[in-house]
Structures are given as structure tokens and as C-alpha cells.
Amino acid sequence: MSSTAAAAALAAALLVLAAFGGVEAREAWLSAVAKKVAAAKEAKVPAVIVFGDSTVDTGNNNVVATMLKSNFPPYGRDLGAATGRFCNGRLPPDFISEALGLPPLVPAYLDPAYGIADFATGVCFASAGTGLDNATAGVLVRTPAIAT
């Protein structure tokens, strides 16, 4: 496993720990992420690729037939308009991207305002309401699940 992949895996594990841990866990996570981001920056990370749910969705649900949307106030308050991010501005992938010297906002793959050239430095495939169970699509999304 390359050092960049190891850094990404550690950052993901620490993100889960920070979400469910206490103050000490969050402080440890921030310290570890800062070290890994510094190492990744030296490694010249070319792009940030994001997969996940509403915690990292940068606007893909704006164009998906779902009831899970964040394209209305108060979402996006710090950006001047709602962008589809489930927050008041930027999400963790946006901060990581900027820390690596990449653009400060990771574009949503389904956003028609972006094209292939914009994805050279990162892209987000995350979608709010994502679930491991096929039943998730039947409850939250009006598109059929892909048969496996």
C-alpha cells in the first residue's frame, strides 16, 4: 500500500473515530489528520476522490430524484447560496482538498456546472441517503436499485 493510500485509509478511520468518540478522540484525530495531510502534500496528491453519504455529499442530490436535498436555506449560508452540501458552507473533503493545495471546493460529479476538466483535481460521488441495503433506494430515492 502506498503512503498516500495509507494516509487516506488512516484519515477515513480517524474520521469515524472522531464522529463517535469524545473530545480526546477528536483532538487525536485532528492531530493525526494534520500530520497525514502534511505528508500527502509532500507526496503531491493529484486529486481528492470522495465517496459517501450526506456527510460528504457536495451537491449530487440536487439532480437525483430523492427527498433528501439541501438546496434551500439555511444550507450554504457561508457560501452565499445553497449548493447541495448538508452544511452551512464547506464539508470535510473541501477542507482536505484545500489543505493539499487543491481547489477549496470539491465538485459534485452530477453538477452540470462542472465538466471533466474540473474533475482533474477531485470529484465527489457521494449521495445523501446512501445505504448498504438495496431497500434504501426504495425508501429514499425514486430511482430503482441496480440488480446484483
N, C-alpha and C. Protein backbone atom coordinates (compact mmCIF):
# COMPACT_ATOMS: atom_id res chain seq x y z
N MET A 1 0.86 -1.17 0.00
CA MET A 1 0.00 0.00 0.00
C MET A 1 0.90 1.23 0.00
N SER A 2 0.64 2.18 -0.90
CA SER A 2 1.44 3.39 -0.97
C SER A 2 1.20 4.26 0.26
N SER A 3 2.12 5.20 0.49
CA SER A 3 1.96 6.07 1.65
C SER A 3 0.73 6.95 1.53
N THR A 4 0.38 7.32 0.30
CA THR A 4 -0.81 8.14 0.09
C THR A 4 -2.07 7.35 0.41
N ALA A 5 -2.12 6.09 -0.04
CA ALA A 5 -3.28 5.24 0.25
C ALA A 5 -3.37 4.96 1.74
N ALA A 6 -2.23 4.75 2.38
CA ALA A 6 -2.24 4.51 3.82
C ALA A 6 -2.73 5.75 4.57
N ALA A 7 -2.30 6.92 4.10
CA ALA A 7 -2.75 8.17 4.73
C ALA A 7 -4.25 8.33 4.58
N ALA A 8 -4.77 8.01 3.40
CA ALA A 8 -6.21 8.13 3.16
C ALA A 8 -6.98 7.15 4.04
N ALA A 9 -6.49 5.92 4.16
CA ALA A 9 -7.16 4.92 4.98
C ALA A 9 -7.15 5.34 6.45
N LEU A 10 -6.03 5.86 6.90
CA LEU A 10 -5.95 6.32 8.29
C LEU A 10 -6.90 7.49 8.53
N ALA A 11 -6.93 8.43 7.59
CA ALA A 11 -7.82 9.58 7.73
C ALA A 11 -9.27 9.14 7.80
N ALA A 12 -9.65 8.16 6.98
CA ALA A 12 -11.03 7.66 6.99
C ALA A 12 -11.35 7.00 8.33
N ALA A 13 -10.43 6.19 8.83
CA ALA A 13 -10.65 5.52 10.11
C ALA A 13 -10.75 6.54 11.24
N LEU A 14 -9.90 7.53 11.20
CA LEU A 14 -9.94 8.55 12.24
C LEU A 14 -11.19 9.41 12.15
N LEU A 15 -11.71 9.61 10.94
CA LEU A 15 -12.95 10.37 10.79
C LEU A 15 -14.10 9.65 11.48
N VAL A 16 -14.16 8.33 11.33
CA VAL A 16 -15.19 7.54 12.01
C VAL A 16 -15.00 7.63 13.52
N LEU A 17 -13.76 7.51 13.97
CA LEU A 17 -13.47 7.61 15.40
C LEU A 17 -13.90 8.97 15.94
N ALA A 18 -13.59 10.03 15.21
CA ALA A 18 -13.94 11.37 15.67
C ALA A 18 -15.45 11.57 15.73
N ALA A 19 -16.15 10.95 14.81
CA ALA A 19 -17.61 11.11 14.78
C ALA A 19 -18.27 10.44 15.98
N PHE A 20 -17.68 9.35 16.46
CA PHE A 20 -18.31 8.61 17.54
C PHE A 20 -17.56 8.69 18.86
N GLY A 21 -16.40 9.34 18.88
CA GLY A 21 -15.61 9.44 20.09
C GLY A 21 -15.87 10.73 20.84
N GLY A 22 -15.10 10.92 21.91
CA GLY A 22 -15.25 12.13 22.71
C GLY A 22 -14.27 13.21 22.27
N VAL A 23 -14.06 14.18 23.15
CA VAL A 23 -13.18 15.31 22.85
C VAL A 23 -11.75 14.83 22.60
N GLU A 24 -11.28 13.89 23.41
CA GLU A 24 -9.92 13.38 23.25
C GLU A 24 -9.75 12.72 21.89
N ALA A 25 -10.77 11.97 21.47
CA ALA A 25 -10.71 11.30 20.17
C ALA A 25 -10.65 12.33 19.04
N ARG A 26 -11.42 13.40 19.17
CA ARG A 26 -11.42 14.44 18.13
C ARG A 26 -10.06 15.13 18.06
N GLU A 27 -9.46 15.42 19.23
CA GLU A 27 -8.15 16.07 19.25
C GLU A 27 -7.10 15.15 18.63
N ALA A 28 -7.15 13.87 18.96
CA ALA A 28 -6.21 12.91 18.38
C ALA A 28 -6.41 12.82 16.87
N TRP A 29 -7.67 12.83 16.45
CA TRP A 29 -7.98 12.77 15.02
C TRP A 29 -7.43 13.99 14.30
N LEU A 30 -7.65 15.18 14.85
CA LEU A 30 -7.16 16.40 14.20
C LEU A 30 -5.64 16.40 14.09
N SER A 31 -4.97 15.95 15.13
CA SER A 31 -3.51 15.89 15.11
C SER A 31 -3.02 14.91 14.06
N ALA A 32 -3.62 13.72 14.03
CA ALA A 32 -3.20 12.70 13.06
C ALA A 32 -3.49 13.13 11.63
N VAL A 33 -4.66 13.74 11.42
CA VAL A 33 -5.00 14.20 10.07
C VAL A 33 -4.05 15.29 9.62
N ALA A 34 -3.71 16.21 10.51
CA ALA A 34 -2.77 17.29 10.16
C ALA A 34 -1.44 16.71 9.71
N LYS A 35 -0.95 15.69 10.41
CA LYS A 35 0.31 15.05 10.04
C LYS A 35 0.19 14.35 8.70
N LYS A 36 -0.92 13.63 8.50
CA LYS A 36 -1.10 12.90 7.25
C LYS A 36 -1.31 13.84 6.07
N VAL A 37 -2.01 14.94 6.29
CA VAL A 37 -2.21 15.92 5.22
C VAL A 37 -0.87 16.53 4.83
N ALA A 38 -0.03 16.83 5.82
CA ALA A 38 1.30 17.37 5.52
C ALA A 38 2.12 16.37 4.70
N ALA A 39 2.05 15.09 5.08
CA ALA A 39 2.77 14.06 4.34
C ALA A 39 2.22 13.90 2.93
N ALA A 40 0.91 13.93 2.80
CA ALA A 40 0.29 13.79 1.48
C ALA A 40 0.62 14.98 0.60
N LYS A 41 0.69 16.17 1.19
CA LYS A 41 1.01 17.37 0.42
C LYS A 41 2.41 17.24 -0.16
N GLU A 42 3.34 16.72 0.64
CA GLU A 42 4.69 16.48 0.15
C GLU A 42 4.70 15.44 -0.95
N ALA A 43 3.76 14.49 -0.90
CA ALA A 43 3.68 13.43 -1.90
C ALA A 43 3.02 13.92 -3.19
N LYS A 44 2.57 15.18 -3.21
CA LYS A 44 1.94 15.77 -4.40
C LYS A 44 0.68 15.01 -4.80
N VAL A 45 -0.29 14.98 -3.91
CA VAL A 45 -1.57 14.32 -4.18
C VAL A 45 -2.24 15.04 -5.35
N PRO A 46 -2.57 14.32 -6.44
CA PRO A 46 -3.13 14.98 -7.62
C PRO A 46 -4.62 15.29 -7.53
N ALA A 47 -5.36 14.53 -6.72
CA ALA A 47 -6.82 14.72 -6.68
C ALA A 47 -7.41 14.12 -5.42
N VAL A 48 -8.61 14.59 -5.08
CA VAL A 48 -9.37 14.05 -3.96
C VAL A 48 -10.63 13.43 -4.55
N ILE A 49 -10.81 12.13 -4.35
CA ILE A 49 -11.99 11.42 -4.84
C ILE A 49 -12.83 11.05 -3.62
N VAL A 50 -14.11 11.45 -3.62
CA VAL A 50 -14.95 11.31 -2.44
C VAL A 50 -16.12 10.36 -2.71
N PHE A 51 -16.32 9.41 -1.81
CA PHE A 51 -17.47 8.51 -1.82
C PHE A 51 -18.12 8.59 -0.44
N GLY A 52 -19.44 8.52 -0.37
CA GLY A 52 -20.07 8.54 0.93
C GLY A 52 -21.52 8.95 0.89
N ASP A 53 -21.99 9.48 2.03
CA ASP A 53 -23.40 9.86 2.19
C ASP A 53 -23.51 11.37 2.40
N SER A 54 -24.52 11.80 3.15
CA SER A 54 -24.77 13.24 3.32
C SER A 54 -23.64 13.96 4.04
N THR A 55 -22.80 13.23 4.77
CA THR A 55 -21.71 13.90 5.48
C THR A 55 -20.65 14.43 4.53
N VAL A 56 -20.64 13.95 3.29
CA VAL A 56 -19.66 14.41 2.30
C VAL A 56 -20.27 14.73 0.94
N ASP A 57 -21.60 14.69 0.81
CA ASP A 57 -22.28 15.00 -0.46
C ASP A 57 -22.12 16.48 -0.78
N THR A 58 -21.49 16.80 -1.90
CA THR A 58 -21.25 18.20 -2.28
C THR A 58 -22.29 18.74 -3.26
N GLY A 59 -23.36 18.01 -3.46
CA GLY A 59 -24.44 18.52 -4.31
C GLY A 59 -24.98 17.55 -5.32
N ASN A 60 -24.57 16.30 -5.27
CA ASN A 60 -25.09 15.31 -6.23
C ASN A 60 -26.59 15.13 -6.11
N ASN A 61 -27.14 15.24 -4.91
CA ASN A 61 -28.58 15.03 -4.73
C ASN A 61 -29.43 16.14 -5.34
N ASN A 62 -28.82 17.23 -5.76
CA ASN A 62 -29.58 18.28 -6.42
C ASN A 62 -30.21 17.79 -7.72
N VAL A 63 -29.59 16.78 -8.34
CA VAL A 63 -30.09 16.29 -9.63
C VAL A 63 -30.56 14.84 -9.57
N VAL A 64 -30.71 14.32 -8.36
CA VAL A 64 -31.21 12.96 -8.17
C VAL A 64 -32.65 13.05 -7.66
N ALA A 65 -33.50 12.16 -8.15
CA ALA A 65 -34.90 12.15 -7.71
C ALA A 65 -34.99 11.55 -6.31
N THR A 66 -34.81 12.39 -5.32
CA THR A 66 -34.84 11.96 -3.93
C THR A 66 -35.46 13.05 -3.06
N MET A 67 -35.96 12.64 -1.92
CA MET A 67 -36.50 13.63 -0.99
C MET A 67 -35.40 14.19 -0.09
N LEU A 68 -34.19 13.66 -0.18
CA LEU A 68 -33.07 14.11 0.64
C LEU A 68 -32.29 15.18 -0.10
N LYS A 69 -32.63 16.42 0.13
CA LYS A 69 -31.98 17.54 -0.54
C LYS A 69 -31.59 18.60 0.47
N SER A 70 -30.60 19.38 0.11
CA SER A 70 -30.18 20.51 0.95
C SER A 70 -29.92 21.73 0.08
N ASN A 71 -30.77 21.93 -0.91
CA ASN A 71 -30.60 23.05 -1.83
C ASN A 71 -31.53 24.22 -1.48
N PHE A 72 -31.67 24.46 -0.19
CA PHE A 72 -32.52 25.55 0.30
C PHE A 72 -31.92 26.08 1.61
N PRO A 73 -32.26 27.33 2.00
CA PRO A 73 -31.74 27.88 3.25
C PRO A 73 -32.20 27.05 4.45
N PRO A 74 -31.40 26.92 5.47
CA PRO A 74 -30.19 27.67 5.77
C PRO A 74 -28.92 27.05 5.21
N TYR A 75 -29.03 25.94 4.49
CA TYR A 75 -27.83 25.31 3.91
C TYR A 75 -27.11 26.29 3.00
N GLY A 76 -25.77 26.26 3.03
CA GLY A 76 -24.97 27.10 2.16
C GLY A 76 -24.84 28.55 2.58
N ARG A 77 -25.27 28.87 3.77
CA ARG A 77 -25.25 30.25 4.25
C ARG A 77 -23.88 30.91 4.08
N ASP A 78 -22.81 30.20 4.40
CA ASP A 78 -21.46 30.78 4.31
C ASP A 78 -20.96 30.90 2.88
N LEU A 79 -21.60 30.20 1.95
CA LEU A 79 -21.20 30.29 0.54
C LEU A 79 -22.08 31.26 -0.24
N GLY A 80 -23.07 31.83 0.41
CA GLY A 80 -23.95 32.79 -0.24
C GLY A 80 -25.18 32.19 -0.88
N ALA A 81 -25.20 30.88 -1.04
CA ALA A 81 -26.35 30.18 -1.62
C ALA A 81 -26.25 28.70 -1.28
N ALA A 82 -27.39 28.04 -1.26
CA ALA A 82 -27.40 26.60 -1.01
C ALA A 82 -26.79 25.88 -2.21
N THR A 83 -25.84 24.99 -1.94
CA THR A 83 -25.13 24.29 -3.02
C THR A 83 -25.47 22.81 -3.09
N GLY A 84 -26.23 22.33 -2.13
CA GLY A 84 -26.50 20.90 -2.04
C GLY A 84 -25.66 20.23 -0.98
N ARG A 85 -24.78 20.99 -0.33
CA ARG A 85 -23.99 20.45 0.78
C ARG A 85 -24.86 20.49 2.04
N PHE A 86 -24.82 19.43 2.83
CA PHE A 86 -25.61 19.37 4.06
C PHE A 86 -24.85 20.06 5.19
N CYS A 87 -24.59 21.35 5.00
CA CYS A 87 -23.89 22.16 5.99
C CYS A 87 -24.08 23.62 5.62
N ASN A 88 -23.49 24.51 6.39
CA ASN A 88 -23.65 25.93 6.10
C ASN A 88 -22.60 26.44 5.12
N GLY A 89 -21.70 25.59 4.68
CA GLY A 89 -20.65 26.02 3.75
C GLY A 89 -19.86 24.86 3.20
N ARG A 90 -18.70 24.62 3.80
CA ARG A 90 -17.80 23.58 3.29
C ARG A 90 -17.88 22.32 4.14
N LEU A 91 -17.56 21.19 3.50
CA LEU A 91 -17.56 19.88 4.14
C LEU A 91 -16.12 19.41 4.36
N PRO A 92 -15.90 18.35 5.16
CA PRO A 92 -14.54 17.86 5.38
C PRO A 92 -13.73 17.63 4.10
N PRO A 93 -14.30 17.05 3.03
CA PRO A 93 -13.48 16.89 1.82
C PRO A 93 -13.00 18.22 1.23
N ASP A 94 -13.78 19.28 1.39
CA ASP A 94 -13.37 20.59 0.90
C ASP A 94 -12.15 21.09 1.65
N PHE A 95 -12.15 20.92 2.98
CA PHE A 95 -11.01 21.36 3.78
C PHE A 95 -9.77 20.52 3.48
N ILE A 96 -9.95 19.22 3.30
CA ILE A 96 -8.83 18.34 2.97
C ILE A 96 -8.26 18.72 1.62
N SER A 97 -9.12 18.96 0.64
CA SER A 97 -8.68 19.36 -0.69
C SER A 97 -7.84 20.64 -0.63
N GLU A 98 -8.34 21.62 0.09
CA GLU A 98 -7.60 22.89 0.21
C GLU A 98 -6.27 22.69 0.93
N ALA A 99 -6.26 21.87 1.97
CA ALA A 99 -5.02 21.61 2.72
C ALA A 99 -3.97 20.93 1.85
N LEU A 100 -4.41 20.19 0.85
CA LEU A 100 -3.49 19.51 -0.06
C LEU A 100 -3.05 20.40 -1.22
N GLY A 101 -3.50 21.65 -1.20
CA GLY A 101 -3.13 22.57 -2.27
C GLY A 101 -4.01 22.47 -3.50
N LEU A 102 -5.14 21.81 -3.36
CA LEU A 102 -6.10 21.65 -4.46
C LEU A 102 -7.21 22.69 -4.29
N PRO A 103 -8.14 22.79 -5.25
CA PRO A 103 -9.24 23.76 -5.11
C PRO A 103 -9.99 23.58 -3.80
N PRO A 104 -10.49 24.68 -3.20
CA PRO A 104 -11.14 24.60 -1.89
C PRO A 104 -12.53 23.96 -1.88
N LEU A 105 -13.14 23.77 -3.03
CA LEU A 105 -14.44 23.09 -3.10
C LEU A 105 -14.33 21.90 -4.05
N VAL A 106 -14.67 20.71 -3.55
CA VAL A 106 -14.67 19.51 -4.39
C VAL A 106 -15.99 19.49 -5.16
N PRO A 107 -15.94 19.44 -6.50
CA PRO A 107 -17.19 19.49 -7.27
C PRO A 107 -17.98 18.19 -7.21
N ALA A 108 -19.29 18.33 -7.27
CA ALA A 108 -20.18 17.17 -7.33
C ALA A 108 -20.17 16.60 -8.75
N TYR A 109 -20.07 15.30 -8.87
CA TYR A 109 -20.00 14.65 -10.18
C TYR A 109 -21.21 14.96 -11.05
N LEU A 110 -22.39 15.02 -10.46
CA LEU A 110 -23.61 15.23 -11.24
C LEU A 110 -23.96 16.70 -11.47
N ASP A 111 -23.19 17.62 -10.92
CA ASP A 111 -23.48 19.05 -11.10
C ASP A 111 -23.18 19.45 -12.54
N PRO A 112 -24.19 19.92 -13.28
CA PRO A 112 -23.98 20.27 -14.69
C PRO A 112 -23.05 21.47 -14.89
N ALA A 113 -22.75 22.21 -13.83
CA ALA A 113 -21.85 23.36 -13.94
C ALA A 113 -20.39 22.93 -14.09
N TYR A 114 -20.10 21.67 -13.82
CA TYR A 114 -18.73 21.17 -13.88
C TYR A 114 -18.57 20.20 -15.04
N GLY A 115 -17.35 20.14 -15.56
CA GLY A 115 -17.03 19.21 -16.64
C GLY A 115 -15.82 18.38 -16.29
N ILE A 116 -15.38 17.57 -17.22
CA ILE A 116 -14.29 16.63 -16.99
C ILE A 116 -13.00 17.35 -16.56
N ALA A 117 -12.76 18.54 -17.09
CA ALA A 117 -11.55 19.28 -16.71
C ALA A 117 -11.57 19.65 -15.23
N ASP A 118 -12.76 19.93 -14.70
CA ASP A 118 -12.89 20.29 -13.28
C ASP A 118 -12.61 19.10 -12.37
N PHE A 119 -12.77 17.90 -12.90
CA PHE A 119 -12.60 16.69 -12.09
C PHE A 119 -11.14 16.23 -12.02
N ALA A 120 -10.24 16.93 -12.70
CA ALA A 120 -8.84 16.54 -12.70
C ALA A 120 -8.21 16.66 -11.31
N THR A 121 -8.74 17.54 -10.48
CA THR A 121 -8.18 17.73 -9.13
C THR A 121 -9.09 17.18 -8.04
N GLY A 122 -10.19 16.56 -8.43
CA GLY A 122 -11.07 15.96 -7.45
C GLY A 122 -12.51 15.96 -7.88
N VAL A 123 -13.25 15.01 -7.35
CA VAL A 123 -14.67 14.90 -7.67
C VAL A 123 -15.36 14.14 -6.53
N CYS A 124 -16.62 14.47 -6.32
CA CYS A 124 -17.39 13.84 -5.26
C CYS A 124 -18.51 12.99 -5.87
N PHE A 125 -18.53 11.72 -5.52
CA PHE A 125 -19.59 10.81 -5.96
C PHE A 125 -20.59 10.54 -4.84
N ALA A 126 -20.42 11.16 -3.70
CA ALA A 126 -21.27 10.92 -2.54
C ALA A 126 -22.71 11.36 -2.80
N SER A 127 -23.63 10.66 -2.16
CA SER A 127 -25.05 10.99 -2.30
C SER A 127 -25.74 10.78 -0.96
N ALA A 128 -26.42 11.81 -0.48
CA ALA A 128 -27.13 11.72 0.80
C ALA A 128 -28.14 10.59 0.75
N GLY A 129 -28.24 9.86 1.82
CA GLY A 129 -29.18 8.75 1.89
C GLY A 129 -28.61 7.45 1.37
N THR A 130 -27.33 7.45 1.04
CA THR A 130 -26.69 6.24 0.55
C THR A 130 -26.77 5.17 1.63
N GLY A 131 -27.07 3.95 1.22
CA GLY A 131 -27.16 2.85 2.18
C GLY A 131 -26.58 1.57 1.62
N LEU A 132 -26.22 0.67 2.50
CA LEU A 132 -25.68 -0.61 2.08
C LEU A 132 -26.77 -1.60 1.69
N ASP A 133 -27.97 -1.35 2.13
CA ASP A 133 -29.10 -2.24 1.86
C ASP A 133 -29.84 -1.75 0.62
N ASN A 134 -30.17 -2.65 -0.30
CA ASN A 134 -30.91 -2.28 -1.51
C ASN A 134 -32.24 -1.62 -1.19
N ALA A 135 -32.81 -1.90 -0.02
CA ALA A 135 -34.08 -1.30 0.36
C ALA A 135 -33.97 0.21 0.54
N THR A 136 -32.76 0.71 0.79
CA THR A 136 -32.57 2.14 0.97
C THR A 136 -33.06 2.91 -0.25
N ALA A 137 -32.74 2.42 -1.43
CA ALA A 137 -33.15 3.10 -2.66
C ALA A 137 -34.67 3.14 -2.79
N GLY A 138 -35.34 2.11 -2.34
CA GLY A 138 -36.79 2.07 -2.45
C GLY A 138 -37.50 3.01 -1.50
N VAL A 139 -36.85 3.38 -0.42
CA VAL A 139 -37.46 4.24 0.58
C VAL A 139 -37.12 5.72 0.34
N LEU A 140 -35.87 6.01 0.05
CA LEU A 140 -35.42 7.39 -0.01
C LEU A 140 -35.23 7.95 -1.41
N VAL A 141 -35.08 7.10 -2.39
CA VAL A 141 -34.80 7.55 -3.75
C VAL A 141 -35.84 6.99 -4.69
N ARG A 142 -36.23 7.79 -5.67
CA ARG A 142 -37.26 7.34 -6.61
C ARG A 142 -36.65 6.72 -7.86
N THR A 143 -35.44 6.24 -7.76
CA THR A 143 -34.83 5.53 -8.87
C THR A 143 -34.60 4.10 -8.43
N PRO A 144 -34.72 3.14 -9.32
CA PRO A 144 -34.57 1.74 -8.90
C PRO A 144 -33.14 1.39 -8.55
N ALA A 145 -32.98 0.46 -7.63
CA ALA A 145 -31.66 -0.03 -7.28
C ALA A 145 -31.16 -0.92 -8.41
N ILE A 146 -29.86 -0.96 -8.60
CA ILE A 146 -29.27 -1.80 -9.64
C ILE A 146 -29.28 -3.24 -9.14
N ALA A 147 -29.81 -4.13 -9.95
CA ALA A 147 -29.86 -5.55 -9.58
C ALA A 147 -28.45 -6.12 -9.56
N THR A 148 -28.17 -6.94 -8.55
CA THR A 148 -26.84 -7.55 -8.46
C THR A 148 -26.92 -9.03 -8.69
